[in-house]
C-alpha atoms as a PDB file:
ATOM      1  CA  MET A   1       6.109 110.922  89.592  1.00  0.00           C
ATOM      2  CA  LYS A   2       5.091 111.981  93.079  1.00  0.00           C
ATOM      3  CA  ARG A   3       6.858 111.085  96.261  1.00  0.00           C
ATOM      4  CA  HIS A   4       4.966 109.426  99.071  1.00  0.00           C
ATOM      5  CA  SER A   5       5.101 110.618 102.663  1.00  0.00           C
ATOM      6  CA  GLY A   6       6.143 108.383 105.528  1.00  0.00           C
ATOM      7  CA  VAL A   7       2.530 107.785 106.532  1.00  0.00           C
ATOM      8  CA  GLU A   8       1.613 106.733 102.993  1.00  0.00           C
ATOM      9  CA  LYS A   9       4.558 104.337 102.881  1.00  0.00           C
ATOM     10  CA  GLY A  10       3.447 102.843 106.195  1.00  0.00           C
ATOM     11  CA  VAL A  11      -0.105 102.406 104.932  1.00  0.00           C
ATOM     12  CA  LEU A  12       1.213 100.756 101.750  1.00  0.00           C
ATOM     13  CA  LEU A  13       3.229  98.370 103.927  1.00  0.00           C
ATOM     14  CA  LEU A  14       0.076  97.563 105.904  1.00  0.00           C
ATOM     15  CA  ALA A  15      -1.826  96.985 102.646  1.00  0.00           C
ATOM     16  CA  ALA A  16       0.920  94.631 101.451  1.00  0.00           C
ATOM     17  CA  LEU A  17       0.694  92.742 104.759  1.00  0.00           C
ATOM     18  CA  PHE A  18      -3.085  92.316 104.349  1.00  0.00           C
ATOM     19  CA  MET A  19      -2.527  91.043 100.812  1.00  0.00           C
ATOM     20  CA  MET A  20       0.189  88.570 101.843  1.00  0.00           C
ATOM     21  CA  VAL A  21      -1.981  87.155 104.634  1.00  0.00           C
ATOM     22  CA  GLY A  22      -4.885  86.935 102.177  1.00  0.00           C
ATOM     23  CA  PHE A  23      -2.804  85.026  99.634  1.00  0.00           C
ATOM     24  CA  TYR A  24      -1.528  82.705 102.365  1.00  0.00           C
ATOM     25  CA  LEU A  25      -5.047  81.925 103.631  1.00  0.00           C
ATOM     26  CA  ILE A  26      -6.279  81.278 100.086  1.00  0.00           C
ATOM     27  CA  ILE A  27      -3.400  78.973  99.147  1.00  0.00           C
ATOM     28  CA  TYR A  28      -2.995  77.258 102.551  1.00  0.00           C
ATOM     29  CA  PRO A  29      -6.393  77.448 104.315  1.00  0.00           C
ATOM     30  CA  GLN A  30      -6.148  76.880 108.053  1.00  0.00           C
ATOM     31  CA  ASP A  31      -8.528  75.215 110.487  1.00  0.00           C
ATOM     32  CA  MET A  32      -8.387  77.825 113.257  1.00  0.00           C
ATOM     33  CA  VAL A  33     -10.129  79.644 116.084  1.00  0.00           C
ATOM     34  CA  ILE A  34     -10.729  83.398 115.997  1.00  0.00           C
ATOM     35  CA  ILE A  35     -11.146  85.108 119.363  1.00  0.00           C
ATOM     36  CA  HIS A  36     -13.913  87.728 119.573  1.00  0.00           C
ATOM     37  CA  PRO A  37     -14.041  90.304 122.364  1.00  0.00           C
ATOM     38  CA  GLY A  38     -16.797  90.117 124.941  1.00  0.00           C
ATOM     39  CA  THR A  39     -18.500  93.020 126.633  1.00  0.00           C
ATOM     40  CA  SER A  40     -15.261  94.449 128.036  1.00  0.00           C
ATOM     41  CA  GLY A  41     -12.984  94.171 124.998  1.00  0.00           C
ATOM     42  CA  TYR A  42      -9.768  92.161 125.060  1.00  0.00           C
ATOM     43  CA  LYS A  43      -8.912  92.756 128.745  1.00  0.00           C
ATOM     44  CA  SER A  44      -7.612  89.547 130.249  1.00  0.00           C
ATOM     45  CA  GLY A  45      -9.861  87.894 132.796  1.00  0.00           C
ATOM     46  CA  ALA A  46     -12.760  90.291 132.263  1.00  0.00           C
ATOM     47  CA  GLY A  47     -15.914  89.950 130.213  1.00  0.00           C
ATOM     48  CA  SER A  48     -17.060  87.011 128.193  1.00  0.00           C
ATOM     49  CA  SER A  49     -14.855  86.682 125.130  1.00  0.00           C
ATOM     50  CA  TYR A  50     -15.442  83.626 122.991  1.00  0.00           C
ATOM     51  CA  GLY A  51     -13.752  81.754 120.188  1.00  0.00           C
ATOM     52  CA  GLU A  52     -15.258  81.037 116.784  1.00  0.00           C
ATOM     53  CA  HIS A  53     -14.180  77.884 114.947  1.00  0.00           C
ATOM     54  CA  VAL A  54     -13.257  78.636 111.324  1.00  0.00           C
ATOM     55  CA  SER A  55     -13.180  75.807 108.788  1.00  0.00           C
ATOM     56  CA  PRO A  56     -10.698  75.764 105.889  1.00  0.00           C
ATOM     57  CA  ASN A  57     -13.403  76.960 103.470  1.00  0.00           C
ATOM     58  CA  ALA A  58     -14.292  79.875 105.743  1.00  0.00           C
ATOM     59  CA  SER A  59     -10.575  80.565 106.072  1.00  0.00           C
ATOM     60  CA  ARG A  60     -10.429  81.029 102.287  1.00  0.00           C
ATOM     61  CA  VAL A  61     -13.299  83.520 102.555  1.00  0.00           C
ATOM     62  CA  TYR A  62     -11.345  85.481 105.178  1.00  0.00           C
ATOM     63  CA  GLY A  63      -8.338  85.320 102.840  1.00  0.00           C
ATOM     64  CA  VAL A  64     -10.323  86.802  99.956  1.00  0.00           C
ATOM     65  CA  LEU A  65     -11.655  89.551 102.240  1.00  0.00           C
ATOM     66  CA  SER A  66      -8.133  90.326 103.448  1.00  0.00           C
ATOM     67  CA  LEU A  67      -6.865  90.421  99.864  1.00  0.00           C
ATOM     68  CA  LEU A  68      -9.650  92.796  98.805  1.00  0.00           C
ATOM     69  CA  LEU A  69      -9.083  95.028 101.841  1.00  0.00           C
ATOM     70  CA  GLY A  70      -5.346  95.256 101.160  1.00  0.00           C
ATOM     71  CA  SER A  71      -5.927  95.969  97.474  1.00  0.00           C
ATOM     72  CA  GLY A  72      -8.453  98.680  98.285  1.00  0.00           C
ATOM     73  CA  ILE A  73      -6.180 100.373 100.816  1.00  0.00           C
ATOM     74  CA  GLY A  74      -3.238 100.277  98.408  1.00  0.00           C
ATOM     75  CA  TRP A  75      -5.351 101.616  95.544  1.00  0.00           C
ATOM     76  CA  ALA A  76      -6.671 104.452  97.725  1.00  0.00           C
ATOM     77  CA  VAL A  77      -3.147 105.525  98.717  1.00  0.00           C
ATOM     78  CA  LEU A  78      -1.693 105.263  95.222  1.00  0.00           C
ATOM     79  CA  THR A  79      -4.522 107.144  93.505  1.00  0.00           C
ATOM     80  CA  LYS A  80      -4.849 109.929  96.089  1.00  0.00           C
ATOM     81  CA  ARG A  81      -5.259 113.257  94.316  1.00  0.00           C
ATOM     82  CA  TYR A  82      -3.425 116.326  95.521  1.00  0.00           C
ATOM     83  CA  ASP A  83      -5.450 119.462  94.776  1.00  0.00           C
END
């Protein structure tokens, strides 16, 4: 059994976080607003950032995407081949 480096452990923690958020959004879908950056990024008071309303059904879609992303990241770290 191989040992994982600190970076790999951190990435696995990030993957677990994505998966937990995904499960939460699937089980408890939220009616929410997602902020998108405008032309100048997330700088306060600059640019034209806008909010997107997300319905509970769309929230479940974001949850599934988050779950798949976390699973893919975790799989990539755990199956990394050392040649």
